[in-house]
Each structure stands twice: as structure tokens, then as C-alpha cells.
Amino acid sequence: MNAARFTKRARLLTAAQFDLAFKQGRRINAGAFTAVISPNGLDFPRVGFALSKKHAPHSVQRNRVRRILRERFRQQQQTLSAVDLVLMLRGKLPAESAELTAAVNSFWIQLAKRCAAS
């Protein structure tokens, strides 16, 4: 898979794929985010997003978070093992864009460490 692309095969697309990740995966909590990590049996990682209105009530906020997380995944997908990631919000988002980017970077560092450990 090309490291500079976020292709369709790198996404969780169907409800069945999400359900399988939730059933087989384990949760990692870090700051305002939660990740469900599940082995996928493929040669590459995949990612899906489950961002609720409870923690980000406006679609602009959810789309911005999704965009930042997607970009971070795109940059780091070569370093991840073959897992399915479902990324979720579990707390209030920072109001400032720089704080949000810092929170995502911190979350991603913790996520990469935990993925490498398993």
C-alpha cells in the first residue's frame, strides 16, 4: 500500500466490519479519545471512525477531528501492524485547533506504543 495515500481498502466500510472489531478488539483510552484495536488477518491496517454527537455536537467539529485523525493514520499506516482501528471520542474536545492537534498527536503516540507492544 502506498504510504502517501488513504485508499478505500484502508477504511472500515460496513457495519459488519465495525461489529467484528468491537467484538474481537480491546479498548485503549487516552485523553479525549478511545481506540478499539482488533487483528484483521490482512497485510495492512484499516481505520474507522465512530464520533458521536454527544462529545462533538456540531458536524464541523466531528469532521475536523475525523480529518486530523485520518491524516495522522495516513502518515503512520506503514508503521502499524495488520489491525482494524475504530477511533472514538470519549470526552470534550479542545476548543482551539492547536490544542486539538496536540491532543491527537499525543493520542497517536500512545496508540502506536500500545499497537507495537501487542
PDB file of N, CA and C in Angstrom:
ATOM      1  N   MET A   1       0.842  -1.168   0.000  1.00  0.00           N
ATOM      2  CA  MET A   1       0.000   0.000   0.000  1.00  0.00           C
ATOM      3  C   MET A   1       0.895   1.242   0.000  1.00  0.00           C
ATOM      4  N   ASN A   2       0.584   2.183  -0.821  1.00  0.00           N
ATOM      5  CA  ASN A   2       1.349   3.413  -0.914  1.00  0.00           C
ATOM      6  C   ASN A   2       1.191   4.221   0.369  1.00  0.00           C
ATOM      7  N   ALA A   3       2.308   4.636   0.967  1.00  0.00           N
ATOM      8  CA  ALA A   3       2.272   5.325   2.256  1.00  0.00           C
ATOM      9  C   ALA A   3       1.632   6.706   2.158  1.00  0.00           C
ATOM     10  N   ALA A   4       1.619   7.286   0.977  1.00  0.00           N
ATOM     11  CA  ALA A   4       1.108   8.642   0.823  1.00  0.00           C
ATOM     12  C   ALA A   4      -0.384   8.686   0.509  1.00  0.00           C
ATOM     13  N   ARG A   5      -1.057   7.548   0.520  1.00  0.00           N
ATOM     14  CA  ARG A   5      -2.457   7.521   0.129  1.00  0.00           C
ATOM     15  C   ARG A   5      -3.330   6.949   1.230  1.00  0.00           C
ATOM     16  N   PHE A   6      -4.558   7.355   1.227  1.00  0.00           N
ATOM     17  CA  PHE A   6      -5.566   6.791   2.117  1.00  0.00           C
ATOM     18  C   PHE A   6      -6.625   6.175   1.216  1.00  0.00           C
ATOM     19  N   THR A   7      -6.396   4.942   0.826  1.00  0.00           N
ATOM     20  CA  THR A   7      -7.248   4.290  -0.158  1.00  0.00           C
ATOM     21  C   THR A   7      -8.488   3.686   0.491  1.00  0.00           C
ATOM     22  N   LYS A   8      -9.397   3.235  -0.343  1.00  0.00           N
ATOM     23  CA  LYS A   8     -10.642   2.667   0.139  1.00  0.00           C
ATOM     24  C   LYS A   8     -10.404   1.388   0.937  1.00  0.00           C
ATOM     25  N   ARG A   9      -9.384   0.619   0.568  1.00  0.00           N
ATOM     26  CA  ARG A   9      -9.131  -0.630   1.287  1.00  0.00           C
ATOM     27  C   ARG A   9      -8.567  -0.399   2.686  1.00  0.00           C
ATOM     28  N   ALA A  10      -8.138   0.817   2.991  1.00  0.00           N
ATOM     29  CA  ALA A  10      -7.610   1.150   4.314  1.00  0.00           C
ATOM     30  C   ALA A  10      -8.706   1.616   5.267  1.00  0.00           C
ATOM     31  N   ARG A  11      -9.973   1.530   4.839  1.00  0.00           N
ATOM     32  CA  ARG A  11     -11.092   2.002   5.656  1.00  0.00           C
ATOM     33  C   ARG A  11     -11.983   0.840   6.077  1.00  0.00           C
ATOM     34  N   LEU A  12     -12.568   0.978   7.236  1.00  0.00           N
ATOM     35  CA  LEU A  12     -13.653   0.086   7.633  1.00  0.00           C
ATOM     36  C   LEU A  12     -14.917   0.676   7.026  1.00  0.00           C
ATOM     37  N   LEU A  13     -15.624  -0.106   6.218  1.00  0.00           N
ATOM     38  CA  LEU A  13     -16.722   0.453   5.445  1.00  0.00           C
ATOM     39  C   LEU A  13     -18.103  -0.028   5.883  1.00  0.00           C
ATOM     40  N   THR A  14     -18.201  -1.273   6.296  1.00  0.00           N
ATOM     41  CA  THR A  14     -19.526  -1.826   6.573  1.00  0.00           C
ATOM     42  C   THR A  14     -19.768  -1.976   8.068  1.00  0.00           C
ATOM     43  N   ALA A  15     -21.032  -2.084   8.412  1.00  0.00           N
ATOM     44  CA  ALA A  15     -21.403  -2.290   9.813  1.00  0.00           C
ATOM     45  C   ALA A  15     -20.839  -3.608  10.327  1.00  0.00           C
ATOM     46  N   ALA A  16     -20.761  -4.608   9.467  1.00  0.00           N
ATOM     47  CA  ALA A  16     -20.223  -5.907   9.878  1.00  0.00           C
ATOM     48  C   ALA A  16     -18.743  -5.798  10.256  1.00  0.00           C
ATOM     49  N   GLN A  17     -17.994  -4.989   9.526  1.00  0.00           N
ATOM     50  CA  GLN A  17     -16.580  -4.784   9.851  1.00  0.00           C
ATOM     51  C   GLN A  17     -16.431  -4.081  11.201  1.00  0.00           C
ATOM     52  N   PHE A  18     -17.266  -3.088  11.460  1.00  0.00           N
ATOM     53  CA  PHE A  18     -17.230  -2.391  12.742  1.00  0.00           C
ATOM     54  C   PHE A  18     -17.632  -3.339  13.874  1.00  0.00           C
ATOM     55  N   ASP A  19     -18.702  -4.111  13.663  1.00  0.00           N
ATOM     56  CA  ASP A  19     -19.169  -5.050  14.687  1.00  0.00           C
ATOM     57  C   ASP A  19     -18.097  -6.063  15.050  1.00  0.00           C
ATOM     58  N   LEU A  20     -17.411  -6.596  14.049  1.00  0.00           N
ATOM     59  CA  LEU A  20     -16.345  -7.564  14.294  1.00  0.00           C
ATOM     60  C   LEU A  20     -15.209  -6.927  15.096  1.00  0.00           C
ATOM     61  N   ALA A  21     -14.860  -5.705  14.767  1.00  0.00           N
ATOM     62  CA  ALA A  21     -13.798  -5.002  15.506  1.00  0.00           C
ATOM     63  C   ALA A  21     -14.226  -4.780  16.959  1.00  0.00           C
ATOM     64  N   PHE A  22     -15.471  -4.400  17.183  1.00  0.00           N
ATOM     65  CA  PHE A  22     -15.951  -4.178  18.545  1.00  0.00           C
ATOM     66  C   PHE A  22     -16.015  -5.480  19.346  1.00  0.00           C
ATOM     67  N   LYS A  23     -16.386  -6.582  18.698  1.00  0.00           N
ATOM     68  CA  LYS A  23     -16.491  -7.861  19.397  1.00  0.00           C
ATOM     69  C   LYS A  23     -15.138  -8.462  19.726  1.00  0.00           C
ATOM     70  N   GLN A  24     -14.195  -8.386  18.798  1.00  0.00           N
ATOM     71  CA  GLN A  24     -12.897  -9.039  18.971  1.00  0.00           C
ATOM     72  C   GLN A  24     -11.820  -8.125  19.541  1.00  0.00           C
ATOM     73  N   GLY A  25     -12.049  -6.825  19.493  1.00  0.00           N
ATOM     74  CA  GLY A  25     -10.992  -5.884  19.842  1.00  0.00           C
ATOM     75  C   GLY A  25     -10.892  -5.573  21.318  1.00  0.00           C
ATOM     76  N   ARG A  26      -9.812  -4.887  21.644  1.00  0.00           N
ATOM     77  CA  ARG A  26      -9.629  -4.385  23.006  1.00  0.00           C
ATOM     78  C   ARG A  26      -9.565  -2.868  22.948  1.00  0.00           C
ATOM     79  N   ARG A  27     -10.007  -2.242  24.030  1.00  0.00           N
ATOM     80  CA  ARG A  27     -10.090  -0.779  24.081  1.00  0.00           C
ATOM     81  C   ARG A  27      -8.845  -0.177  24.706  1.00  0.00           C
ATOM     82  N   ILE A  28      -8.470   0.966  24.152  1.00  0.00           N
ATOM     83  CA  ILE A  28      -7.377   1.764  24.701  1.00  0.00           C
ATOM     84  C   ILE A  28      -7.923   3.172  24.891  1.00  0.00           C
ATOM     85  N   ASN A  29      -7.856   3.673  26.111  1.00  0.00           N
ATOM     86  CA  ASN A  29      -8.311   5.028  26.417  1.00  0.00           C
ATOM     87  C   ASN A  29      -7.113   5.934  26.593  1.00  0.00           C
ATOM     88  N   ALA A  30      -7.171   7.092  25.964  1.00  0.00           N
ATOM     89  CA  ALA A  30      -6.095   8.072  26.083  1.00  0.00           C
ATOM     90  C   ALA A  30      -6.672   9.466  25.885  1.00  0.00           C
ATOM     91  N   GLY A  31      -6.737  10.210  26.965  1.00  0.00           N
ATOM     92  CA  GLY A  31      -7.253  11.569  26.874  1.00  0.00           C
ATOM     93  C   GLY A  31      -8.705  11.587  26.451  1.00  0.00           C
ATOM     94  N   ALA A  32      -8.993  12.374  25.419  1.00  0.00           N
ATOM     95  CA  ALA A  32     -10.362  12.527  24.940  1.00  0.00           C
ATOM     96  C   ALA A  32     -10.742  11.465  23.910  1.00  0.00           C
ATOM     97  N   PHE A  33      -9.858  10.498  23.671  1.00  0.00           N
ATOM     98  CA  PHE A  33     -10.085   9.508  22.630  1.00  0.00           C
ATOM     99  C   PHE A  33     -10.068   8.093  23.175  1.00  0.00           C
ATOM    100  N   THR A  34     -10.727   7.202  22.450  1.00  0.00           N
ATOM    101  CA  THR A  34     -10.716   5.773  22.712  1.00  0.00           C
ATOM    102  C   THR A  34     -10.486   5.077  21.375  1.00  0.00           C
ATOM    103  N   ALA A  35      -9.687   4.025  21.416  1.00  0.00           N
ATOM    104  CA  ALA A  35      -9.464   3.222  20.213  1.00  0.00           C
ATOM    105  C   ALA A  35      -9.818   1.781  20.519  1.00  0.00           C
ATOM    106  N   VAL A  36     -10.447   1.130  19.567  1.00  0.00           N
ATOM    107  CA  VAL A  36     -10.683  -0.303  19.636  1.00  0.00           C
ATOM    108  C   VAL A  36      -9.736  -0.921  18.621  1.00  0.00           C
ATOM    109  N   ILE A  37      -8.890  -1.831  19.097  1.00  0.00           N
ATOM    110  CA  ILE A  37      -7.876  -2.451  18.243  1.00  0.00           C
ATOM    111  C   ILE A  37      -8.198  -3.932  18.120  1.00  0.00           C
ATOM    112  N   SER A  38      -8.280  -4.392  16.875  1.00  0.00           N
ATOM    113  CA  SER A  38      -8.605  -5.782  16.608  1.00  0.00           C
ATOM    114  C   SER A  38      -7.732  -6.291  15.460  1.00  0.00           C
ATOM    115  N   PRO A  39      -7.104  -7.462  15.598  1.00  0.00           N
ATOM    116  CA  PRO A  39      -6.353  -8.014  14.468  1.00  0.00           C
ATOM    117  C   PRO A  39      -7.294  -8.296  13.303  1.00  0.00           C
ATOM    118  N   ASN A  40      -6.824  -8.043  12.066  1.00  0.00           N
ATOM    119  CA  ASN A  40      -7.727  -8.189  10.935  1.00  0.00           C
ATOM    120  C   ASN A  40      -7.355  -9.304   9.963  1.00  0.00           C
ATOM    121  N   GLY A  41      -6.201  -9.937  10.096  1.00  0.00           N
ATOM    122  CA  GLY A  41      -5.830 -11.029   9.211  1.00  0.00           C
ATOM    123  C   GLY A  41      -5.447 -10.606   7.811  1.00  0.00           C
ATOM    124  N   LEU A  42      -5.270  -9.325   7.586  1.00  0.00           N
ATOM    125  CA  LEU A  42      -4.852  -8.805   6.286  1.00  0.00           C
ATOM    126  C   LEU A  42      -3.381  -8.382   6.367  1.00  0.00           C
ATOM    127  N   ASP A  43      -2.874  -7.841   5.288  1.00  0.00           N
ATOM    128  CA  ASP A  43      -1.480  -7.384   5.269  1.00  0.00           C
ATOM    129  C   ASP A  43      -1.339  -5.912   5.636  1.00  0.00           C
ATOM    130  N   PHE A  44      -2.413  -5.252   5.966  1.00  0.00           N
ATOM    131  CA  PHE A  44      -2.377  -3.807   6.169  1.00  0.00           C
ATOM    132  C   PHE A  44      -3.387  -3.400   7.238  1.00  0.00           C
ATOM    133  N   PRO A  45      -3.173  -2.243   7.862  1.00  0.00           N
ATOM    134  CA  PRO A  45      -4.138  -1.754   8.856  1.00  0.00           C
ATOM    135  C   PRO A  45      -5.312  -1.053   8.175  1.00  0.00           C
ATOM    136  N   ARG A  46      -6.438  -1.038   8.894  1.00  0.00           N
ATOM    137  CA  ARG A  46      -7.618  -0.309   8.434  1.00  0.00           C
ATOM    138  C   ARG A  46      -8.121   0.550   9.584  1.00  0.00           C
ATOM    139  N   VAL A  47      -8.828   1.617   9.249  1.00  0.00           N
ATOM    140  CA  VAL A  47      -9.330   2.524  10.269  1.00  0.00           C
ATOM    141  C   VAL A  47     -10.786   2.883   9.985  1.00  0.00           C
ATOM    142  N   GLY A  48     -11.516   3.082  11.077  1.00  0.00           N
ATOM    143  CA  GLY A  48     -12.892   3.543  11.006  1.00  0.00           C
ATOM    144  C   GLY A  48     -13.119   4.542  12.132  1.00  0.00           C
ATOM    145  N   PHE A  49     -14.113   5.375  11.998  1.00  0.00           N
ATOM    146  CA  PHE A  49     -14.380   6.424  12.973  1.00  0.00           C
ATOM    147  C   PHE A  49     -15.808   6.301  13.483  1.00  0.00           C
ATOM    148  N   ALA A  50     -15.969   6.467  14.790  1.00  0.00           N
ATOM    149  CA  ALA A  50     -17.283   6.473  15.423  1.00  0.00           C
ATOM    150  C   ALA A  50     -17.310   7.688  16.350  1.00  0.00           C
ATOM    151  N   LEU A  51     -17.645   8.825  15.785  1.00  0.00           N
ATOM    152  CA  LEU A  51     -17.639  10.079  16.536  1.00  0.00           C
ATOM    153  C   LEU A  51     -19.079  10.481  16.819  1.00  0.00           C
ATOM    154  N   SER A  52     -19.404  10.547  18.094  1.00  0.00           N
ATOM    155  CA  SER A  52     -20.797  10.793  18.467  1.00  0.00           C
ATOM    156  C   SER A  52     -21.093  12.278  18.629  1.00  0.00           C
ATOM    157  N   LYS A  53     -22.373  12.587  18.529  1.00  0.00           N
ATOM    158  CA  LYS A  53     -22.828  13.963  18.735  1.00  0.00           C
ATOM    159  C   LYS A  53     -22.756  14.362  20.199  1.00  0.00           C
ATOM    160  N   LYS A  54     -22.680  13.397  21.072  1.00  0.00           N
ATOM    161  CA  LYS A  54     -22.616  13.691  22.496  1.00  0.00           C
ATOM    162  C   LYS A  54     -21.366  14.500  22.839  1.00  0.00           C
ATOM    163  N   HIS A  55     -20.228  14.128  22.253  1.00  0.00           N
ATOM    164  CA  HIS A  55     -18.971  14.779  22.592  1.00  0.00           C
ATOM    165  C   HIS A  55     -18.565  15.853  21.593  1.00  0.00           C
ATOM    166  N   ALA A  56     -19.093  15.804  20.394  1.00  0.00           N
ATOM    167  CA  ALA A  56     -18.836  16.825  19.375  1.00  0.00           C
ATOM    168  C   ALA A  56     -20.171  17.122  18.700  1.00  0.00           C
ATOM    169  N   PRO A  57     -20.950  18.038  19.264  1.00  0.00           N
ATOM    170  CA  PRO A  57     -22.326  18.214  18.813  1.00  0.00           C
ATOM    171  C   PRO A  57     -22.484  18.774  17.397  1.00  0.00           C
ATOM    172  N   HIS A  58     -21.463  19.434  16.892  1.00  0.00           N
ATOM    173  CA  HIS A  58     -21.582  20.037  15.561  1.00  0.00           C
ATOM    174  C   HIS A  58     -20.814  19.210  14.540  1.00  0.00           C
ATOM    175  N   SER A  59     -21.398  19.064  13.374  1.00  0.00           N
ATOM    176  CA  SER A  59     -20.763  18.249  12.336  1.00  0.00           C
ATOM    177  C   SER A  59     -19.407  18.817  11.930  1.00  0.00           C
ATOM    178  N   VAL A  60     -19.247  20.120  12.023  1.00  0.00           N
ATOM    179  CA  VAL A  60     -17.958  20.737  11.698  1.00  0.00           C
ATOM    180  C   VAL A  60     -16.871  20.207  12.627  1.00  0.00           C
ATOM    181  N   GLN A  61     -17.190  20.072  13.897  1.00  0.00           N
ATOM    182  CA  GLN A  61     -16.222  19.548  14.866  1.00  0.00           C
ATOM    183  C   GLN A  61     -15.892  18.092  14.569  1.00  0.00           C
ATOM    184  N   ARG A  62     -16.915  17.282  14.333  1.00  0.00           N
ATOM    185  CA  ARG A  62     -16.676  15.863  14.051  1.00  0.00           C
ATOM    186  C   ARG A  62     -15.864  15.683  12.781  1.00  0.00           C
ATOM    187  N   ASN A  63     -16.170  16.466  11.754  1.00  0.00           N
ATOM    188  CA  ASN A  63     -15.427  16.355  10.502  1.00  0.00           C
ATOM    189  C   ASN A  63     -13.982  16.800  10.664  1.00  0.00           C
ATOM    190  N   ARG A  64     -13.740  17.830  11.472  1.00  0.00           N
ATOM    191  CA  ARG A  64     -12.367  18.291  11.691  1.00  0.00           C
ATOM    192  C   ARG A  64     -11.561  17.227  12.421  1.00  0.00           C
ATOM    193  N   VAL A  65     -12.147  16.622  13.444  1.00  0.00           N
ATOM    194  CA  VAL A  65     -11.464  15.558  14.182  1.00  0.00           C
ATOM    195  C   VAL A  65     -11.193  14.382  13.251  1.00  0.00           C
ATOM    196  N   ARG A  66     -12.182  14.003  12.478  1.00  0.00           N
ATOM    197  CA  ARG A  66     -12.025  12.890  11.540  1.00  0.00           C
ATOM    198  C   ARG A  66     -10.916  13.185  10.531  1.00  0.00           C
ATOM    199  N   ARG A  67     -10.877  14.398  10.037  1.00  0.00           N
ATOM    200  CA  ARG A  67      -9.859  14.797   9.065  1.00  0.00           C
ATOM    201  C   ARG A  67      -8.456  14.720   9.663  1.00  0.00           C
ATOM    202  N   ILE A  68      -8.288  15.201  10.894  1.00  0.00           N
ATOM    203  CA  ILE A  68      -6.981  15.178  11.548  1.00  0.00           C
ATOM    204  C   ILE A  68      -6.557  13.741  11.849  1.00  0.00           C
ATOM    205  N   LEU A  69      -7.471  12.924  12.368  1.00  0.00           N
ATOM    206  CA  LEU A  69      -7.151  11.524  12.653  1.00  0.00           C
ATOM    207  C   LEU A  69      -6.832  10.750  11.378  1.00  0.00           C
ATOM    208  N   ARG A  70      -7.565  11.011  10.323  1.00  0.00           N
ATOM    209  CA  ARG A  70      -7.331  10.333   9.049  1.00  0.00           C
ATOM    210  C   ARG A  70      -5.945  10.682   8.495  1.00  0.00           C
ATOM    211  N   GLU A  71      -5.574  11.943   8.588  1.00  0.00           N
ATOM    212  CA  GLU A  71      -4.261  12.366   8.105  1.00  0.00           C
ATOM    213  C   GLU A  71      -3.142  11.717   8.915  1.00  0.00           C
ATOM    214  N   ARG A  72      -3.325  11.661  10.215  1.00  0.00           N
ATOM    215  CA  ARG A  72      -2.320  11.021  11.070  1.00  0.00           C
ATOM    216  C   ARG A  72      -2.205   9.532  10.749  1.00  0.00           C
ATOM    217  N   PHE A  73      -3.333   8.866  10.523  1.00  0.00           N
ATOM    218  CA  PHE A  73      -3.317   7.464  10.129  1.00  0.00           C
ATOM    219  C   PHE A  73      -2.592   7.306   8.792  1.00  0.00           C
ATOM    220  N   ARG A  74      -2.889   8.171   7.847  1.00  0.00           N
ATOM    221  CA  ARG A  74      -2.262   8.096   6.529  1.00  0.00           C
ATOM    222  C   ARG A  74      -0.743   8.183   6.635  1.00  0.00           C
ATOM    223  N   GLN A  75      -0.257   9.058   7.504  1.00  0.00           N
ATOM    224  CA  GLN A  75       1.177   9.230   7.670  1.00  0.00           C
ATOM    225  C   GLN A  75       1.829   8.053   8.374  1.00  0.00           C
ATOM    226  N   GLN A  76       1.109   7.389   9.263  1.00  0.00           N
ATOM    227  CA  GLN A  76       1.687   6.356  10.118  1.00  0.00           C
ATOM    228  C   GLN A  76       1.288   4.933   9.758  1.00  0.00           C
ATOM    229  N   GLN A  77       0.510   4.729   8.715  1.00  0.00           N
ATOM    230  CA  GLN A  77      -0.024   3.398   8.449  1.00  0.00           C
ATOM    231  C   GLN A  77       1.059   2.367   8.139  1.00  0.00           C
ATOM    232  N   GLN A  78       2.197   2.786   7.621  1.00  0.00           N
ATOM    233  CA  GLN A  78       3.272   1.840   7.326  1.00  0.00           C
ATOM    234  C   GLN A  78       3.894   1.278   8.603  1.00  0.00           C
ATOM    235  N   THR A  79       3.801   1.995   9.707  1.00  0.00           N
ATOM    236  CA  THR A  79       4.404   1.542  10.962  1.00  0.00           C
ATOM    237  C   THR A  79       3.465   0.665  11.780  1.00  0.00           C
ATOM    238  N   LEU A  80       2.193   0.593  11.405  1.00  0.00           N
ATOM    239  CA  LEU A  80       1.211  -0.193  12.150  1.00  0.00           C
ATOM    240  C   LEU A  80       1.185  -1.633  11.650  1.00  0.00           C
ATOM    241  N   SER A  81       0.845  -2.532  12.555  1.00  0.00           N
ATOM    242  CA  SER A  81       0.666  -3.923  12.157  1.00  0.00           C
ATOM    243  C   SER A  81      -0.716  -4.082  11.520  1.00  0.00           C
ATOM    244  N   ALA A  82      -1.061  -5.294  11.126  1.00  0.00           N
ATOM    245  CA  ALA A  82      -2.335  -5.566  10.466  1.00  0.00           C
ATOM    246  C   ALA A  82      -3.455  -5.598  11.501  1.00  0.00           C
ATOM    247  N   VAL A  83      -4.024  -4.428  11.775  1.00  0.00           N
ATOM    248  CA  VAL A  83      -5.097  -4.301  12.753  1.00  0.00           C
ATOM    249  C   VAL A  83      -6.219  -3.461  12.174  1.00  0.00           C
ATOM    250  N   ASP A  84      -7.398  -3.631  12.747  1.00  0.00           N
ATOM    251  CA  ASP A  84      -8.519  -2.731  12.488  1.00  0.00           C
ATOM    252  C   ASP A  84      -8.598  -1.780  13.667  1.00  0.00           C
ATOM    253  N   LEU A  85      -8.647  -0.497  13.385  1.00  0.00           N
ATOM    254  CA  LEU A  85      -8.763   0.529  14.416  1.00  0.00           C
ATOM    255  C   LEU A  85     -10.114   1.209  14.280  1.00  0.00           C
ATOM    256  N   VAL A  86     -10.836   1.300  15.373  1.00  0.00           N
ATOM    257  CA  VAL A  86     -12.039   2.124  15.417  1.00  0.00           C
ATOM    258  C   VAL A  86     -11.731   3.229  16.411  1.00  0.00           C
ATOM    259  N   LEU A  87     -11.707   4.454  15.935  1.00  0.00           N
ATOM    260  CA  LEU A  87     -11.343   5.598  16.761  1.00  0.00           C
ATOM    261  C   LEU A  87     -12.607   6.349  17.156  1.00  0.00           C
ATOM    262  N   MET A  88     -12.702   6.642  18.469  1.00  0.00           N
ATOM    263  CA  MET A  88     -13.905   7.272  19.015  1.00  0.00           C
ATOM    264  C   MET A  88     -13.518   8.415  19.946  1.00  0.00           C
ATOM    265  N   LEU A  89     -14.487   9.287  20.178  1.00  0.00           N
ATOM    266  CA  LEU A  89     -14.343  10.338  21.182  1.00  0.00           C
ATOM    267  C   LEU A  89     -14.938   9.839  22.483  1.00  0.00           C
ATOM    268  N   ARG A  90     -14.311  10.211  23.593  1.00  0.00           N
ATOM    269  CA  ARG A  90     -14.900   9.853  24.879  1.00  0.00           C
ATOM    270  C   ARG A  90     -14.979  11.044  25.822  1.00  0.00           C
ATOM    271  N   GLY A  91     -14.530  12.185  25.371  1.00  0.00           N
ATOM    272  CA  GLY A  91     -14.575  13.381  26.203  1.00  0.00           C
ATOM    273  C   GLY A  91     -14.735  14.619  25.350  1.00  0.00           C
ATOM    274  N   LYS A  92     -14.816  15.746  26.019  1.00  0.00           N
ATOM    275  CA  LYS A  92     -14.987  17.025  25.347  1.00  0.00           C
ATOM    276  C   LYS A  92     -13.734  17.373  24.564  1.00  0.00           C
ATOM    277  N   LEU A  93     -13.914  17.922  23.394  1.00  0.00           N
ATOM    278  CA  LEU A  93     -12.794  18.318  22.544  1.00  0.00           C
ATOM    279  C   LEU A  93     -12.246  19.677  22.955  1.00  0.00           C
ATOM    280  N   PRO A  94     -10.942  19.882  22.780  1.00  0.00           N
ATOM    281  CA  PRO A  94     -10.387  21.223  22.996  1.00  0.00           C
ATOM    282  C   PRO A  94     -10.973  22.197  21.976  1.00  0.00           C
ATOM    283  N   ALA A  95     -11.148  23.426  22.387  1.00  0.00           N
ATOM    284  CA  ALA A  95     -11.760  24.422  21.517  1.00  0.00           C
ATOM    285  C   ALA A  95     -10.801  24.918  20.436  1.00  0.00           C
ATOM    286  N   GLU A  96      -9.537  25.056  20.782  1.00  0.00           N
ATOM    287  CA  GLU A  96      -8.554  25.589  19.846  1.00  0.00           C
ATOM    288  C   GLU A  96      -8.025  24.500  18.917  1.00  0.00           C
ATOM    289  N   SER A  97      -7.761  24.878  17.690  1.00  0.00           N
ATOM    290  CA  SER A  97      -7.261  23.929  16.701  1.00  0.00           C
ATOM    291  C   SER A  97      -5.887  23.382  17.074  1.00  0.00           C
ATOM    292  N   ALA A  98      -5.015  24.232  17.607  1.00  0.00           N
ATOM    293  CA  ALA A  98      -3.671  23.783  18.000  1.00  0.00           C
ATOM    294  C   ALA A  98      -3.752  22.779  19.149  1.00  0.00           C
ATOM    295  N   GLU A  99      -4.664  23.015  20.098  1.00  0.00           N
ATOM    296  CA  GLU A  99      -4.848  22.083  21.212  1.00  0.00           C
ATOM    297  C   GLU A  99      -5.401  20.746  20.713  1.00  0.00           C
ATOM    298  N   LEU A 100      -6.301  20.803  19.744  1.00  0.00           N
ATOM    299  CA  LEU A 100      -6.859  19.585  19.176  1.00  0.00           C
ATOM    300  C   LEU A 100      -5.770  18.780  18.467  1.00  0.00           C
ATOM    301  N   THR A 101      -4.941  19.450  17.693  1.00  0.00           N
ATOM    302  CA  THR A 101      -3.842  18.769  17.006  1.00  0.00           C
ATOM    303  C   THR A 101      -2.879  18.154  18.004  1.00  0.00           C
ATOM    304  N   ALA A 102      -2.567  18.868  19.076  1.00  0.00           N
ATOM    305  CA  ALA A 102      -1.675  18.336  20.109  1.00  0.00           C
ATOM    306  C   ALA A 102      -2.305  17.125  20.793  1.00  0.00           C
ATOM    307  N   ALA A 103      -3.613  17.176  21.050  1.00  0.00           N
ATOM    308  CA  ALA A 103      -4.306  16.048  21.685  1.00  0.00           C
ATOM    309  C   ALA A 103      -4.299  14.823  20.767  1.00  0.00           C
ATOM    310  N   VAL A 104      -4.511  15.035  19.476  1.00  0.00           N
ATOM    311  CA  VAL A 104      -4.482  13.929  18.514  1.00  0.00           C
ATOM    312  C   VAL A 104      -3.080  13.341  18.426  1.00  0.00           C
ATOM    313  N   ASN A 105      -2.061  14.189  18.402  1.00  0.00           N
ATOM    314  CA  ASN A 105      -0.682  13.698  18.340  1.00  0.00           C
ATOM    315  C   ASN A 105      -0.334  12.888  19.582  1.00  0.00           C
ATOM    316  N   SER A 106      -0.727  13.370  20.742  1.00  0.00           N
ATOM    317  CA  SER A 106      -0.479  12.644  21.986  1.00  0.00           C
ATOM    318  C   SER A 106      -1.194  11.297  21.978  1.00  0.00           C
ATOM    319  N   PHE A 107      -2.449  11.294  21.537  1.00  0.00           N
ATOM    320  CA  PHE A 107      -3.217  10.055  21.438  1.00  0.00           C
ATOM    321  C   PHE A 107      -2.545   9.086  20.477  1.00  0.00           C
ATOM    322  N   TRP A 108      -2.084   9.581  19.354  1.00  0.00           N
ATOM    323  CA  TRP A 108      -1.493   8.705  18.360  1.00  0.00           C
ATOM    324  C   TRP A 108      -0.187   8.089  18.855  1.00  0.00           C
ATOM    325  N   ILE A 109       0.604   8.842  19.610  1.00  0.00           N
ATOM    326  CA  ILE A 109       1.847   8.307  20.180  1.00  0.00           C
ATOM    327  C   ILE A 109       1.532   7.160  21.134  1.00  0.00           C
ATOM    328  N   GLN A 110       0.534   7.356  22.002  1.00  0.00           N
ATOM    329  CA  GLN A 110       0.133   6.289  22.926  1.00  0.00           C
ATOM    330  C   GLN A 110      -0.431   5.086  22.178  1.00  0.00           C
ATOM    331  N   LEU A 111      -1.188   5.339  21.132  1.00  0.00           N
ATOM    332  CA  LEU A 111      -1.768   4.255  20.339  1.00  0.00           C
ATOM    333  C   LEU A 111      -0.670   3.463  19.635  1.00  0.00           C
ATOM    334  N   ALA A 112       0.312   4.124  19.079  1.00  0.00           N
ATOM    335  CA  ALA A 112       1.404   3.441  18.381  1.00  0.00           C
ATOM    336  C   ALA A 112       2.201   2.578  19.364  1.00  0.00           C
ATOM    337  N   LYS A 113       2.427   3.080  20.575  1.00  0.00           N
ATOM    338  CA  LYS A 113       3.154   2.304  21.581  1.00  0.00           C
ATOM    339  C   LYS A 113       2.381   1.047  21.939  1.00  0.00           C
ATOM    340  N   ARG A 114       1.084   1.169  22.139  1.00  0.00           N
ATOM    341  CA  ARG A 114       0.269   0.024  22.527  1.00  0.00           C
ATOM    342  C   ARG A 114       0.148  -0.984  21.393  1.00  0.00           C
ATOM    343  N   CYS A 115       0.071  -0.492  20.150  1.00  0.00           N
ATOM    344  CA  CYS A 115      -0.003  -1.410  18.997  1.00  0.00           C
ATOM    345  C   CYS A 115       1.310  -2.165  18.850  1.00  0.00           C
ATOM    346  N   ALA A 116       2.428  -1.487  19.084  1.00  0.00           N
ATOM    347  CA  ALA A 116       3.734  -2.136  18.963  1.00  0.00           C
ATOM    348  C   ALA A 116       3.936  -3.176  20.061  1.00  0.00           C
ATOM    349  N   ALA A 117       3.359  -2.929  21.224  1.00  0.00           N
ATOM    350  CA  ALA A 117       3.515  -3.840  22.355  1.00  0.00           C
ATOM    351  C   ALA A 117       2.729  -5.141  22.143  1.00  0.00           C
ATOM    352  N   SER A 118       1.679  -5.095  21.354  1.00  0.00           N
ATOM    353  CA  SER A 118       0.859  -6.307  21.177  1.00  0.00           C
ATOM    354  C   SER A 118       1.282  -7.128  19.995  1.00  0.00           C
TER     355      SER A 118
END
